[in-house]
Structures are given as structure tokens and as C-alpha cells.
């Protein structure tokens, strides 16, 4: 019998429009990325506000995405935590 090799993922897919995950991916990322930030709640509220502006067409998607991404400091460590939380 052949053993199955464990495949290491080489790509990560983010679901920015809630097609796969229930909830907005950037809010999920923000929860992890801003875990120890004292102003976490304020930043997440602003991310939600910008998301709503984009969803209603008041600002273009590209602007909405770039403004929200600027508010979150991403790192490989945060991505590892997200993968562990949702995929492992």
C-alpha cells in the first residue's frame, strides 16, 4: 500500500466577498492581526464602515480594499495563526 504524502500548501485563498466564509475576510484577519492593539475595536469599526462604503458603491472596490489593508499590519506570523485557526 502506498503512503500518501502530506502536501504543503503553496497558496492561500482569501474570500473577500464572503463566497466561502461567513463574514468579511478582512474583519477576520483584523481580529487576529490587531489582537493586542488597544484601539482594536475602533479600527475594526472603521474597517466595517469602509467595507459598507464599498459594498454600497459610494467608493470603488479598489479604494475600499487598499484603505482597509493599510489599517492592518500583516506578517507571516499572523498568516500562520490564521491558517492554524481556520485550516488545520
PDB file of N, CA and C in Angstrom:
ATOM      1  N   UNK A   1       0.824  -1.182   0.000  1.00  0.00           N
ATOM      2  CA  UNK A   1       0.000   0.000   0.000  1.00  0.00           C
ATOM      3  C   UNK A   1       0.872   1.252   0.000  1.00  0.00           C
ATOM      4  N   UNK A   2       0.517   2.193  -0.829  1.00  0.00           N
ATOM      5  CA  UNK A   2       1.289   3.428  -0.962  1.00  0.00           C
ATOM      6  C   UNK A   2       0.875   4.444   0.105  1.00  0.00           C
ATOM      7  N   UNK A   3       1.872   5.038   0.752  1.00  0.00           N
ATOM      8  CA  UNK A   3       1.584   6.079   1.740  1.00  0.00           C
ATOM      9  C   UNK A   3       1.310   7.391   1.021  1.00  0.00           C
ATOM     10  N   UNK A   4       0.375   8.138   1.563  1.00  0.00           N
ATOM     11  CA  UNK A   4       0.077   9.453   0.998  1.00  0.00           C
ATOM     12  C   UNK A   4       1.038  10.471   1.570  1.00  0.00           C
ATOM     13  N   UNK A   5       1.585  11.261   0.713  1.00  0.00           N
ATOM     14  CA  UNK A   5       2.483  12.320   1.150  1.00  0.00           C
ATOM     15  C   UNK A   5       1.666  13.508   1.618  1.00  0.00           C
ATOM     16  N   UNK A   6       2.127  14.117   2.677  1.00  0.00           N
ATOM     17  CA  UNK A   6       1.468  15.337   3.151  1.00  0.00           C
ATOM     18  C   UNK A   6       1.924  16.484   2.255  1.00  0.00           C
ATOM     19  N   UNK A   7       0.968  17.155   1.683  1.00  0.00           N
ATOM     20  CA  UNK A   7       1.260  18.254   0.764  1.00  0.00           C
ATOM     21  C   UNK A   7       1.254  19.561   1.529  1.00  0.00           C
ATOM     22  N   UNK A   8       2.326  20.315   1.372  1.00  0.00           N
ATOM     23  CA  UNK A   8       2.390  21.635   1.997  1.00  0.00           C
ATOM     24  C   UNK A   8       1.706  22.637   1.074  1.00  0.00           C
ATOM     25  N   UNK A   9       0.817  23.444   1.620  1.00  0.00           N
ATOM     26  CA  UNK A   9       0.148  24.438   0.767  1.00  0.00           C
ATOM     27  C   UNK A   9       1.146  25.480   0.274  1.00  0.00           C
ATOM     28  N   UNK A  10       1.006  25.846  -0.981  1.00  0.00           N
ATOM     29  CA  UNK A  10       1.870  26.874  -1.551  1.00  0.00           C
ATOM     30  C   UNK A  10       1.109  28.145  -1.850  1.00  0.00           C
ATOM     31  N   UNK A  11      -0.210  28.091  -1.680  1.00  0.00           N
ATOM     32  CA  UNK A  11      -1.031  29.259  -1.940  1.00  0.00           C
ATOM     33  C   UNK A  11      -2.103  29.368  -0.865  1.00  0.00           C
ATOM     34  N   UNK A  12      -2.512  30.588  -0.619  1.00  0.00           N
ATOM     35  CA  UNK A  12      -3.610  30.839   0.314  1.00  0.00           C
ATOM     36  C   UNK A  12      -4.675  31.618  -0.447  1.00  0.00           C
ATOM     37  N   UNK A  13      -5.919  31.226  -0.281  1.00  0.00           N
ATOM     38  CA  UNK A  13      -7.019  31.906  -0.935  1.00  0.00           C
ATOM     39  C   UNK A  13      -7.775  32.718   0.101  1.00  0.00           C
ATOM     40  N   UNK A  14      -7.991  33.984  -0.176  1.00  0.00           N
ATOM     41  CA  UNK A  14      -8.766  34.843   0.692  1.00  0.00           C
ATOM     42  C   UNK A  14     -10.118  35.094   0.043  1.00  0.00           C
ATOM     43  N   UNK A  15     -11.141  34.986   0.816  1.00  0.00           N
ATOM     44  CA  UNK A  15     -12.514  35.127   0.338  1.00  0.00           C
ATOM     45  C   UNK A  15     -13.018  36.522   0.721  1.00  0.00           C
ATOM     46  N   UNK A  16     -12.698  37.520  -0.088  1.00  0.00           N
ATOM     47  CA  UNK A  16     -13.030  38.902   0.255  1.00  0.00           C
ATOM     48  C   UNK A  16     -14.508  39.226   0.078  1.00  0.00           C
ATOM     49  N   UNK A  17     -15.249  38.395  -0.627  1.00  0.00           N
ATOM     50  CA  UNK A  17     -16.658  38.720  -0.844  1.00  0.00           C
ATOM     51  C   UNK A  17     -17.610  37.731  -0.171  1.00  0.00           C
ATOM     52  N   UNK A  18     -17.125  37.004   0.823  1.00  0.00           N
ATOM     53  CA  UNK A  18     -17.939  36.085   1.637  1.00  0.00           C
ATOM     54  C   UNK A  18     -18.609  34.983   0.816  1.00  0.00           C
ATOM     55  N   UNK A  19     -17.941  34.517  -0.229  1.00  0.00           N
ATOM     56  CA  UNK A  19     -18.475  33.425  -1.033  1.00  0.00           C
ATOM     57  C   UNK A  19     -18.321  32.095  -0.303  1.00  0.00           C
ATOM     58  N   UNK A  20     -17.180  31.897   0.331  1.00  0.00           N
ATOM     59  CA  UNK A  20     -16.879  30.636   1.014  1.00  0.00           C
ATOM     60  C   UNK A  20     -17.078  30.767   2.522  1.00  0.00           C
ATOM     61  N   UNK A  21     -16.526  31.802   3.095  1.00  0.00           N
ATOM     62  CA  UNK A  21     -16.605  32.022   4.542  1.00  0.00           C
ATOM     63  C   UNK A  21     -17.776  32.926   4.878  1.00  0.00           C
ATOM     64  N   UNK A  22     -18.341  32.708   6.036  1.00  0.00           N
ATOM     65  CA  UNK A  22     -19.392  33.616   6.508  1.00  0.00           C
ATOM     66  C   UNK A  22     -18.695  34.742   7.256  1.00  0.00           C
ATOM     67  N   UNK A  23     -18.794  35.927   6.722  1.00  0.00           N
ATOM     68  CA  UNK A  23     -18.112  37.069   7.319  1.00  0.00           C
ATOM     69  C   UNK A  23     -17.115  37.641   6.339  1.00  0.00           C
ATOM     70  N   UNK A  24     -16.695  38.827   6.615  1.00  0.00           N
ATOM     71  CA  UNK A  24     -15.729  39.507   5.764  1.00  0.00           C
ATOM     72  C   UNK A  24     -14.318  39.084   6.152  1.00  0.00           C
ATOM     73  N   UNK A  25     -13.529  38.653   5.166  1.00  0.00           N
ATOM     74  CA  UNK A  25     -12.181  38.153   5.423  1.00  0.00           C
ATOM     75  C   UNK A  25     -11.305  39.193   6.104  1.00  0.00           C
ATOM     76  N   UNK A  26     -11.404  40.438   5.693  1.00  0.00           N
ATOM     77  CA  UNK A  26     -10.553  41.459   6.315  1.00  0.00           C
ATOM     78  C   UNK A  26     -10.889  41.657   7.784  1.00  0.00           C
ATOM     79  N   UNK A  27     -12.147  41.534   8.151  1.00  0.00           N
ATOM     80  CA  UNK A  27     -12.505  41.632   9.564  1.00  0.00           C
ATOM     81  C   UNK A  27     -11.947  40.446  10.342  1.00  0.00           C
ATOM     82  N   UNK A  28     -11.975  39.267   9.718  1.00  0.00           N
ATOM     83  CA  UNK A  28     -11.412  38.069  10.346  1.00  0.00           C
ATOM     84  C   UNK A  28      -9.906  38.232  10.527  1.00  0.00           C
ATOM     85  N   UNK A  29      -9.227  38.729   9.487  1.00  0.00           N
ATOM     86  CA  UNK A  29      -7.784  38.977   9.582  1.00  0.00           C
ATOM     87  C   UNK A  29      -7.502  40.029  10.648  1.00  0.00           C
ATOM     88  N   UNK A  30      -8.292  41.083  10.667  1.00  0.00           N
ATOM     89  CA  UNK A  30      -8.084  42.164  11.630  1.00  0.00           C
ATOM     90  C   UNK A  30      -8.208  41.668  13.067  1.00  0.00           C
ATOM     91  N   UNK A  31      -9.164  40.785  13.325  1.00  0.00           N
ATOM     92  CA  UNK A  31      -9.333  40.239  14.677  1.00  0.00           C
ATOM     93  C   UNK A  31      -8.034  39.611  15.172  1.00  0.00           C
ATOM     94  N   UNK A  32      -7.343  38.892  14.283  1.00  0.00           N
ATOM     95  CA  UNK A  32      -6.083  38.242  14.650  1.00  0.00           C
ATOM     96  C   UNK A  32      -4.933  39.237  14.652  1.00  0.00           C
ATOM     97  N   UNK A  33      -4.842  40.059  13.616  1.00  0.00           N
ATOM     98  CA  UNK A  33      -3.721  40.990  13.481  1.00  0.00           C
ATOM     99  C   UNK A  33      -3.708  42.063  14.564  1.00  0.00           C
ATOM    100  N   UNK A  34      -4.874  42.457  15.027  1.00  0.00           N
ATOM    101  CA  UNK A  34      -4.977  43.556  15.996  1.00  0.00           C
ATOM    102  C   UNK A  34      -5.246  43.062  17.416  1.00  0.00           C
ATOM    103  N   UNK A  35      -5.028  41.785  17.649  1.00  0.00           N
ATOM    104  CA  UNK A  35      -5.394  41.157  18.915  1.00  0.00           C
ATOM    105  C   UNK A  35      -4.938  41.946  20.152  1.00  0.00           C
ATOM    106  N   UNK A  36      -3.729  42.452  20.146  1.00  0.00           N
ATOM    107  CA  UNK A  36      -3.187  43.143  21.322  1.00  0.00           C
ATOM    108  C   UNK A  36      -3.189  44.664  21.193  1.00  0.00           C
ATOM    109  N   UNK A  37      -3.841  45.184  20.184  1.00  0.00           N
ATOM    110  CA  UNK A  37      -3.900  46.632  19.982  1.00  0.00           C
ATOM    111  C   UNK A  37      -4.966  47.240  20.892  1.00  0.00           C
ATOM    112  N   UNK A  38      -4.640  48.299  21.622  1.00  0.00           N
ATOM    113  CA  UNK A  38      -5.645  48.916  22.496  1.00  0.00           C
ATOM    114  C   UNK A  38      -6.819  49.535  21.728  1.00  0.00           C
ATOM    115  N   UNK A  39      -6.585  49.961  20.480  1.00  0.00           N
ATOM    116  CA  UNK A  39      -7.643  50.585  19.686  1.00  0.00           C
ATOM    117  C   UNK A  39      -8.240  49.623  18.650  1.00  0.00           C
ATOM    118  N   UNK A  40      -8.139  48.333  18.929  1.00  0.00           N
ATOM    119  CA  UNK A  40      -8.622  47.284  18.031  1.00  0.00           C
ATOM    120  C   UNK A  40     -10.077  47.504  17.621  1.00  0.00           C
ATOM    121  N   UNK A  41     -10.933  47.749  18.593  1.00  0.00           N
ATOM    122  CA  UNK A  41     -12.368  47.891  18.313  1.00  0.00           C
ATOM    123  C   UNK A  41     -12.625  49.071  17.365  1.00  0.00           C
ATOM    124  N   UNK A  42     -11.943  50.182  17.582  1.00  0.00           N
ATOM    125  CA  UNK A  42     -12.112  51.358  16.739  1.00  0.00           C
ATOM    126  C   UNK A  42     -11.665  51.063  15.300  1.00  0.00           C
ATOM    127  N   UNK A  43     -10.525  50.384  15.163  1.00  0.00           N
ATOM    128  CA  UNK A  43     -10.003  50.063  13.836  1.00  0.00           C
ATOM    129  C   UNK A  43     -10.959  49.115  13.104  1.00  0.00           C
ATOM    130  N   UNK A  44     -11.446  48.101  13.803  1.00  0.00           N
ATOM    131  CA  UNK A  44     -12.368  47.153  13.174  1.00  0.00           C
ATOM    132  C   UNK A  44     -13.674  47.847  12.786  1.00  0.00           C
ATOM    133  N   UNK A  45     -14.146  48.766  13.615  1.00  0.00           N
ATOM    134  CA  UNK A  45     -15.349  49.538  13.250  1.00  0.00           C
ATOM    135  C   UNK A  45     -15.107  50.354  11.989  1.00  0.00           C
ATOM    136  N   UNK A  46     -13.924  50.946  11.873  1.00  0.00           N
ATOM    137  CA  UNK A  46     -13.594  51.729  10.674  1.00  0.00           C
ATOM    138  C   UNK A  46     -13.483  50.815   9.450  1.00  0.00           C
ATOM    139  N   UNK A  47     -12.902  49.637   9.627  1.00  0.00           N
ATOM    140  CA  UNK A  47     -12.826  48.664   8.525  1.00  0.00           C
ATOM    141  C   UNK A  47     -14.233  48.287   8.077  1.00  0.00           C
ATOM    142  N   UNK A  48     -15.131  48.039   9.026  1.00  0.00           N
ATOM    143  CA  UNK A  48     -16.524  47.726   8.686  1.00  0.00           C
ATOM    144  C   UNK A  48     -17.181  48.883   7.936  1.00  0.00           C
ATOM    145  N   UNK A  49     -16.929  50.110   8.381  1.00  0.00           N
ATOM    146  CA  UNK A  49     -17.500  51.290   7.728  1.00  0.00           C
ATOM    147  C   UNK A  49     -17.023  51.393   6.277  1.00  0.00           C
ATOM    148  N   UNK A  50     -15.724  51.213   6.069  1.00  0.00           N
ATOM    149  CA  UNK A  50     -15.162  51.293   4.714  1.00  0.00           C
ATOM    150  C   UNK A  50     -15.708  50.151   3.854  1.00  0.00           C
ATOM    151  N   UNK A  51     -15.857  48.959   4.452  1.00  0.00           N
ATOM    152  CA  UNK A  51     -16.456  47.828   3.727  1.00  0.00           C
ATOM    153  C   UNK A  51     -17.853  48.204   3.235  1.00  0.00           C
ATOM    154  N   UNK A  52     -18.639  48.794   4.114  1.00  0.00           N
ATOM    155  CA  UNK A  52     -20.008  49.195   3.749  1.00  0.00           C
ATOM    156  C   UNK A  52     -20.019  50.265   2.666  1.00  0.00           C
ATOM    157  N   UNK A  53     -19.064  51.200   2.714  1.00  0.00           N
ATOM    158  CA  UNK A  53     -18.968  52.216   1.664  1.00  0.00           C
ATOM    159  C   UNK A  53     -18.705  51.565   0.311  1.00  0.00           C
ATOM    160  N   UNK A  54     -17.826  50.579   0.297  1.00  0.00           N
ATOM    161  CA  UNK A  54     -17.522  49.871  -0.943  1.00  0.00           C
ATOM    162  C   UNK A  54     -18.697  49.040  -1.430  1.00  0.00           C
ATOM    163  N   UNK A  55     -19.356  48.349  -0.497  1.00  0.00           N
ATOM    164  CA  UNK A  55     -20.481  47.493  -0.878  1.00  0.00           C
ATOM    165  C   UNK A  55     -21.657  48.304  -1.425  1.00  0.00           C
ATOM    166  N   UNK A  56     -21.820  49.530  -0.929  1.00  0.00           N
ATOM    167  CA  UNK A  56     -22.931  50.369  -1.401  1.00  0.00           C
ATOM    168  C   UNK A  56     -22.571  51.161  -2.659  1.00  0.00           C
ATOM    169  N   UNK A  57     -21.311  51.047  -3.088  1.00  0.00           N
ATOM    170  CA  UNK A  57     -20.886  51.744  -4.292  1.00  0.00           C
ATOM    171  C   UNK A  57     -20.490  53.189  -4.075  1.00  0.00           C
ATOM    172  N   UNK A  58     -20.409  53.615  -2.814  1.00  0.00           N
ATOM    173  CA  UNK A  58     -20.029  55.002  -2.537  1.00  0.00           C
ATOM    174  C   UNK A  58     -18.550  55.261  -2.813  1.00  0.00           C
ATOM    175  N   UNK A  59     -17.736  54.221  -2.707  1.00  0.00           N
ATOM    176  CA  UNK A  59     -16.329  54.315  -3.101  1.00  0.00           C
ATOM    177  C   UNK A  59     -16.004  53.070  -3.925  1.00  0.00           C
ATOM    178  N   UNK A  60     -15.017  53.160  -4.830  1.00  0.00           N
ATOM    179  CA  UNK A  60     -14.656  51.999  -5.653  1.00  0.00           C
ATOM    180  C   UNK A  60     -14.071  50.867  -4.795  1.00  0.00           C
ATOM    181  N   UNK A  61     -14.232  49.630  -5.261  1.00  0.00           N
ATOM    182  CA  UNK A  61     -13.722  48.468  -4.552  1.00  0.00           C
ATOM    183  C   UNK A  61     -12.229  48.605  -4.271  1.00  0.00           C
ATOM    184  N   UNK A  62     -11.460  49.039  -5.271  1.00  0.00           N
ATOM    185  CA  UNK A  62     -10.007  49.150  -5.118  1.00  0.00           C
ATOM    186  C   UNK A  62      -9.652  50.094  -3.968  1.00  0.00           C
ATOM    187  N   UNK A  63     -10.371  51.206  -3.870  1.00  0.00           N
ATOM    188  CA  UNK A  63     -10.125  52.150  -2.781  1.00  0.00           C
ATOM    189  C   UNK A  63     -10.503  51.536  -1.440  1.00  0.00           C
ATOM    190  N   UNK A  64     -11.636  50.868  -1.411  1.00  0.00           N
ATOM    191  CA  UNK A  64     -12.087  50.215  -0.182  1.00  0.00           C
ATOM    192  C   UNK A  64     -11.054  49.192   0.287  1.00  0.00           C
ATOM    193  N   UNK A  65     -10.585  48.363  -0.616  1.00  0.00           N
ATOM    194  CA  UNK A  65      -9.622  47.328  -0.264  1.00  0.00           C
ATOM    195  C   UNK A  65      -8.302  47.933   0.206  1.00  0.00           C
ATOM    196  N   UNK A  66      -7.768  48.893  -0.530  1.00  0.00           N
ATOM    197  CA  UNK A  66      -6.476  49.469  -0.153  1.00  0.00           C
ATOM    198  C   UNK A  66      -6.560  50.218   1.181  1.00  0.00           C
ATOM    199  N   UNK A  67      -7.654  50.939   1.414  1.00  0.00           N
ATOM    200  CA  UNK A  67      -7.808  51.660   2.692  1.00  0.00           C
ATOM    201  C   UNK A  67      -7.880  50.686   3.859  1.00  0.00           C
ATOM    202  N   UNK A  68      -8.589  49.581   3.667  1.00  0.00           N
ATOM    203  CA  UNK A  68      -8.710  48.602   4.752  1.00  0.00           C
ATOM    204  C   UNK A  68      -7.397  47.870   4.990  1.00  0.00           C
ATOM    205  N   UNK A  69      -6.699  47.514   3.915  1.00  0.00           N
ATOM    206  CA  UNK A  69      -5.417  46.826   4.075  1.00  0.00           C
ATOM    207  C   UNK A  69      -4.379  47.702   4.780  1.00  0.00           C
ATOM    208  N   UNK A  70      -4.425  49.005   4.540  1.00  0.00           N
ATOM    209  CA  UNK A  70      -3.490  49.926   5.208  1.00  0.00           C
ATOM    210  C   UNK A  70      -3.680  49.931   6.724  1.00  0.00           C
ATOM    211  N   UNK A  71      -4.854  49.560   7.187  1.00  0.00           N
ATOM    212  CA  UNK A  71      -5.153  49.598   8.616  1.00  0.00           C
ATOM    213  C   UNK A  71      -4.686  48.344   9.357  1.00  0.00           C
ATOM    214  N   UNK A  72      -4.278  47.322   8.610  1.00  0.00           N
ATOM    215  CA  UNK A  72      -3.878  46.049   9.207  1.00  0.00           C
ATOM    216  C   UNK A  72      -2.411  45.789   8.887  1.00  0.00           C
ATOM    217  N   UNK A  73      -1.608  45.591   9.914  1.00  0.00           N
ATOM    218  CA  UNK A  73      -0.203  45.247   9.708  1.00  0.00           C
ATOM    219  C   UNK A  73      -0.094  43.733   9.607  1.00  0.00           C
ATOM    220  N   UNK A  74       0.113  43.250   8.395  1.00  0.00           N
ATOM    221  CA  UNK A  74       0.202  41.809   8.170  1.00  0.00           C
ATOM    222  C   UNK A  74       1.635  41.328   8.339  1.00  0.00           C
ATOM    223  N   UNK A  75       1.765  40.079   8.717  1.00  0.00           N
ATOM    224  CA  UNK A  75       3.071  39.438   8.823  1.00  0.00           C
ATOM    225  C   UNK A  75       2.899  37.950   8.575  1.00  0.00           C
ATOM    226  N   UNK A  76       4.007  37.261   8.346  1.00  0.00           N
ATOM    227  CA  UNK A  76       3.942  35.813   8.157  1.00  0.00           C
ATOM    228  C   UNK A  76       3.393  35.142   9.410  1.00  0.00           C
ATOM    229  N   UNK A  77       3.724  35.679  10.576  1.00  0.00           N
ATOM    230  CA  UNK A  77       3.243  35.094  11.830  1.00  0.00           C
ATOM    231  C   UNK A  77       1.718  35.168  11.927  1.00  0.00           C
ATOM    232  N   UNK A  78       1.148  36.286  11.522  1.00  0.00           N
ATOM    233  CA  UNK A  78      -0.308  36.425  11.543  1.00  0.00           C
ATOM    234  C   UNK A  78      -0.944  35.448  10.554  1.00  0.00           C
ATOM    235  N   UNK A  79      -0.357  35.322   9.357  1.00  0.00           N
ATOM    236  CA  UNK A  79      -0.886  34.361   8.382  1.00  0.00           C
ATOM    237  C   UNK A  79      -0.822  32.937   8.916  1.00  0.00           C
ATOM    238  N   UNK A  80       0.262  32.600   9.610  1.00  0.00           N
ATOM    239  CA  UNK A  80       0.377  31.263  10.203  1.00  0.00           C
ATOM    240  C   UNK A  80      -0.725  31.034  11.227  1.00  0.00           C
ATOM    241  N   UNK A  81      -1.022  32.049  12.042  1.00  0.00           N
ATOM    242  CA  UNK A  81      -2.095  31.931  13.039  1.00  0.00           C
ATOM    243  C   UNK A  81      -3.449  31.737  12.363  1.00  0.00           C
ATOM    244  N   UNK A  82      -3.691  32.458  11.281  1.00  0.00           N
ATOM    245  CA  UNK A  82      -4.952  32.322  10.554  1.00  0.00           C
ATOM    246  C   UNK A  82      -5.108  30.939   9.950  1.00  0.00           C
ATOM    247  N   UNK A  83      -4.033  30.444   9.341  1.00  0.00           N
ATOM    248  CA  UNK A  83      -4.069  29.104   8.743  1.00  0.00           C
ATOM    249  C   UNK A  83      -4.334  28.078   9.821  1.00  0.00           C
ATOM    250  N   UNK A  84      -3.642  28.206  10.942  1.00  0.00           N
ATOM    251  CA  UNK A  84      -3.825  27.258  12.044  1.00  0.00           C
ATOM    252  C   UNK A  84      -5.263  27.305  12.588  1.00  0.00           C
ATOM    253  N   UNK A  85      -5.810  28.505  12.683  1.00  0.00           N
ATOM    254  CA  UNK A  85      -7.150  28.687  13.230  1.00  0.00           C
ATOM    255  C   UNK A  85      -8.234  28.132  12.301  1.00  0.00           C
ATOM    256  N   UNK A  86      -8.079  28.335  10.990  1.00  0.00           N
ATOM    257  CA  UNK A  86      -9.153  28.008  10.066  1.00  0.00           C
ATOM    258  C   UNK A  86      -8.917  26.779   9.197  1.00  0.00           C
ATOM    259  N   UNK A  87      -7.660  26.377   9.017  1.00  0.00           N
ATOM    260  CA  UNK A  87      -7.409  25.295   8.058  1.00  0.00           C
ATOM    261  C   UNK A  87      -6.827  24.043   8.669  1.00  0.00           C
ATOM    262  N   UNK A  88      -6.310  24.107   9.865  1.00  0.00           N
ATOM    263  CA  UNK A  88      -5.665  22.933  10.453  1.00  0.00           C
ATOM    264  C   UNK A  88      -6.581  22.271  11.455  1.00  0.00           C
TER     265      UNK A  88
END
